[in-house]
Protein backbone atom coordinates (compact mmCIF):
# COMPACT_ATOMS: atom_id res chain seq x y z
CA MET A 1 140.17 -6.26 145.19
CA TYR A 2 141.38 -6.55 141.62
CA ALA A 3 143.93 -8.63 139.77
CA ILE A 4 145.82 -8.48 136.49
CA VAL A 5 145.74 -11.81 134.68
CA GLU A 6 147.39 -12.94 131.48
CA THR A 7 145.63 -15.21 129.04
CA GLY A 8 146.02 -15.60 125.30
CA GLY A 9 149.08 -13.35 125.29
CA LYS A 10 147.06 -10.37 126.62
CA GLN A 11 146.69 -8.88 130.07
CA TYR A 12 143.33 -7.99 131.66
CA ARG A 13 142.47 -6.09 134.83
CA VAL A 14 139.63 -7.97 136.50
CA LYS A 15 137.59 -7.89 139.69
CA PRO A 16 134.80 -10.21 140.85
CA GLY A 17 131.65 -9.68 138.79
CA ASP A 18 133.42 -8.48 135.61
CA THR A 19 132.74 -10.09 132.24
CA ILE A 20 135.66 -10.16 129.78
CA ALA A 21 136.17 -11.51 126.26
CA VAL A 22 139.42 -13.45 125.88
CA GLU A 23 140.97 -15.63 123.19
CA ARG A 24 139.16 -18.98 122.78
CA LEU A 25 139.62 -21.28 125.78
CA THR A 26 138.58 -24.90 126.11
CA GLY A 27 135.55 -25.38 128.29
CA GLU A 28 131.78 -25.54 127.93
CA PRO A 29 129.42 -22.71 128.94
CA GLY A 30 128.73 -22.94 132.66
CA GLU A 31 132.08 -24.58 133.42
CA VAL A 32 134.40 -22.97 136.00
CA LEU A 33 138.01 -22.28 134.96
CA ASP A 34 141.02 -21.24 137.03
CA LEU A 35 143.31 -18.66 135.46
CA GLY A 36 146.68 -19.33 137.08
CA ARG A 37 148.85 -16.67 135.44
CA VAL A 38 148.12 -13.77 137.86
CA LEU A 39 150.63 -10.92 137.53
CA LEU A 40 149.36 -8.59 140.26
CA VAL A 41 146.81 -8.56 143.08
CA ALA A 42 145.90 -5.27 144.74
CA GLY A 43 143.08 -3.34 146.36
CA ASN A 44 141.29 -3.27 149.72
CA GLY A 45 143.99 -0.99 151.13
CA ASP A 46 146.53 -3.83 151.29
CA THR A 47 149.97 -3.57 149.78
CA PRO A 48 149.86 -4.82 146.20
CA ARG A 49 151.38 -8.24 145.56
CA ILE A 50 153.44 -8.15 142.39
CA GLY A 51 154.64 -11.38 140.86
CA SER A 52 157.87 -12.16 139.08
CA PRO A 53 156.40 -13.18 136.67
CA GLY A 54 153.34 -14.50 138.55
CA VAL A 55 152.04 -14.11 142.10
CA GLU A 56 152.60 -17.33 144.08
CA GLY A 57 149.37 -18.92 145.26
CA ALA A 58 147.09 -16.50 143.40
CA VAL A 59 144.30 -17.83 141.19
CA VAL A 60 141.45 -16.06 139.41
CA ARG A 61 138.32 -18.20 139.20
CA ALA A 62 136.04 -17.56 136.21
CA GLU A 63 132.90 -19.07 134.71
CA VAL A 64 132.56 -19.59 130.95
CA VAL A 65 129.53 -17.61 129.75
CA GLU A 66 129.67 -18.30 126.01
CA HIS A 67 131.87 -18.86 123.00
CA ALA A 68 131.56 -16.14 120.35
CA ARG A 69 133.37 -14.57 117.44
CA GLY A 70 134.75 -11.04 117.31
CA GLU A 71 134.07 -8.37 114.71
CA LYS A 72 135.24 -8.98 111.16
CA ILE A 73 138.43 -7.25 110.14
CA ILE A 74 139.53 -6.86 106.52
CA VAL A 75 143.09 -7.81 105.55
CA PHE A 76 144.10 -6.23 102.23
CA ARG A 77 147.52 -7.02 100.76
CA TYR A 78 148.67 -4.79 97.91
CA LYS A 79 151.82 -4.37 95.84
CA SER A 80 152.06 -1.35 93.62
CA LYS A 81 152.76 -1.54 89.89
CA VAL A 82 152.31 -5.31 89.59
CA ARG A 83 148.51 -5.68 89.94
CA TYR A 84 148.80 -7.76 93.11
CA ARG A 85 145.76 -7.42 95.40
CA ARG A 86 144.45 -9.93 97.95
CA LYS A 87 141.44 -9.22 100.17
CA THR A 88 140.60 -11.57 103.03
CA GLY A 89 138.58 -11.28 106.22
CA HIS A 90 139.16 -12.56 109.75
CA ARG A 91 136.95 -13.08 112.80
CA GLN A 92 138.71 -13.98 116.04
CA ALA A 93 137.31 -16.84 118.15
CA LEU A 94 136.53 -15.52 121.65
CA THR A 95 135.34 -16.85 124.99
CA ARG A 96 133.35 -14.65 127.38
CA LEU A 97 134.28 -15.18 131.03
CA ARG A 98 132.53 -13.94 134.16
CA ILE A 99 135.03 -13.47 137.00
CA THR A 100 133.61 -15.07 140.13
CA ASP A 101 136.47 -14.83 142.64
CA ILE A 102 140.13 -14.00 143.25
CA LEU A 103 141.91 -16.53 145.47
CA LEU A 104 145.10 -15.80 147.43
CA ASP A 105 146.75 -18.86 149.01
CA GLY A 106 143.46 -20.75 148.63
CA GLU A 107 141.38 -18.11 150.45
CA SER A 108 138.74 -15.97 148.79
CA THR A 109 139.36 -12.23 148.73
CA ALA A 110 135.73 -11.32 148.01
CA LYS A 111 134.11 -9.36 150.81
CA VAL A 112 130.86 -10.45 152.31
CA ALA A 113 128.35 -8.06 150.79
CA GLU A 114 126.79 -5.89 153.47
CA PRO A 115 123.14 -5.01 153.02
CA ALA A 116 122.82 -1.50 151.68
CA ARG A 117 121.27 0.89 154.16
CA PRO A 118 118.77 3.35 152.75
CA GLU A 119 119.95 6.92 153.07
CA PRO A 120 117.79 9.19 155.22
CA VAL A 121 115.75 11.68 153.27
CA ALA A 122 114.98 15.06 154.79
CA VAL A 123 111.26 15.75 154.95
CA ALA A 124 110.43 19.38 154.28
CA GLU A 125 107.21 21.05 155.27
CA PRO A 126 104.99 22.01 152.37
CA GLY A 127 105.32 25.59 151.31
CA PRO A 128 106.73 27.75 148.55
CA ALA A 129 110.29 27.71 149.95
CA ALA A 130 110.45 23.94 150.56
CA VAL A 131 113.02 22.19 148.37
CA THR A 132 113.86 18.51 148.71
CA GLU A 133 117.33 17.05 148.32
CA THR A 134 116.44 15.43 145.02
CA GLU A 135 115.42 18.78 143.52
CA GLU A 136 118.70 20.35 144.62
CA ALA A 137 120.80 17.55 143.14
CA ALA A 138 118.91 17.37 139.84
CA PRO A 139 120.47 19.56 137.16
CA THR A 140 118.14 22.08 135.67
CA THR A 141 117.74 21.92 131.94
CA PRO A 142 116.03 24.64 129.94
CA VAL A 143 112.58 23.80 128.71
CA ARG A 144 112.31 23.72 124.93
CA ARG A 145 109.23 25.44 123.66
CA ARG A 146 107.74 25.03 120.24
CA ARG A 147 106.64 27.95 118.16
CA SER A 148 102.97 28.32 117.51
CA ALA A 149 101.74 27.60 113.99
CA SER A 150 101.22 31.29 113.18
CA ALA A 151 104.76 32.21 114.31
CA ALA A 152 106.23 29.43 112.17
CA GLU A 153 104.26 30.69 109.13
CA GLU A 154 105.54 34.25 109.69
CA VAL A 155 109.14 33.00 109.71
CA THR A 156 108.70 31.06 106.45
CA GLU A 157 106.92 34.00 104.76
CA ALA A 158 109.75 36.37 105.74
CA ALA A 159 112.33 33.94 104.36
CA GLU A 160 110.43 33.61 101.07
CA ALA A 161 110.14 37.39 100.70
CA GLU A 162 113.91 37.83 101.06
CA THR A 163 115.00 35.13 98.60
CA PRO A 164 114.24 35.28 94.84
CA GLN A 165 112.14 32.54 93.28
CA SER A 166 114.27 32.09 90.17
CA ALA A 167 117.63 33.05 88.72
CA ASP A 168 115.99 35.72 86.48
CA GLU A 169 114.92 37.74 89.51
CA SER A 170 118.35 37.67 91.07
CA GLY A 171 119.92 39.82 88.30
CA PRO A 172 120.00 43.64 88.14
CA THR A 173 116.67 45.38 88.00
CA PRO A 174 115.85 46.89 84.58
CA THR A 175 115.66 50.68 84.24
CA ALA A 176 112.69 52.43 82.66
CA GLY A 177 114.53 53.75 79.55
CA ALA A 178 116.46 50.63 78.56
CA SER A 179 114.35 48.18 76.58
CA GLU A 180 117.21 46.45 74.75
CA PRO A 181 119.90 44.39 76.46
CA PRO A 182 123.41 45.88 76.32
CA ALA A 183 125.52 44.82 73.34
CA THR A 184 128.38 42.46 74.16
CA GLU A 185 129.88 42.05 70.68
CA LYS A 186 132.18 44.60 69.05
CA PRO A 187 131.17 46.05 65.70
CA GLU A 188 133.08 44.73 62.67
CA SER A 189 134.70 48.07 61.98
CA GLU A 190 136.74 47.89 65.17
CA HIS A 191 138.33 44.56 64.27
CA THR A 192 141.81 44.88 62.75
CA GLU A 193 143.36 42.36 60.47
CA SER A 194 147.02 41.57 60.85
């Protein structure tokens, strides 16, 4: 069973056992509050009861857990060309509520919790072909293996052999006959004056 309640101008979908943070409400921690503005009650296979605007006779009962403040938000006002800038922060005051029950016409809609029955587990005979249900359901993930120290050294040595140690080695290899670097300037005789 779930309900949609309105508090603080916002709507929340709640069910018994949920904890929600709403706008600050009056009440001390441990106190029980009734949220009367219930917009919809549905679930348990029943036809949903939709209010106009609220469902008649529906109340959501909640316990105040704590009062807290939300995350800080930054408000920055800016006007171009006139050097107007204002920076302020804001933290919203919140109340944390634990939903304890949903009441319809004064009656609780919470089911009586049935004790959970343990599921039967198939017992397989020991052997190489025996597989239990838990092994079938568990996803198989590949096993990550680490390289041995010698393999890691081989990889780093190969990488060092391929890359040059400095920028001088990365240039063209010199030929046996060329001992002088190629000339980049033009001789003065080629320059023409205009």
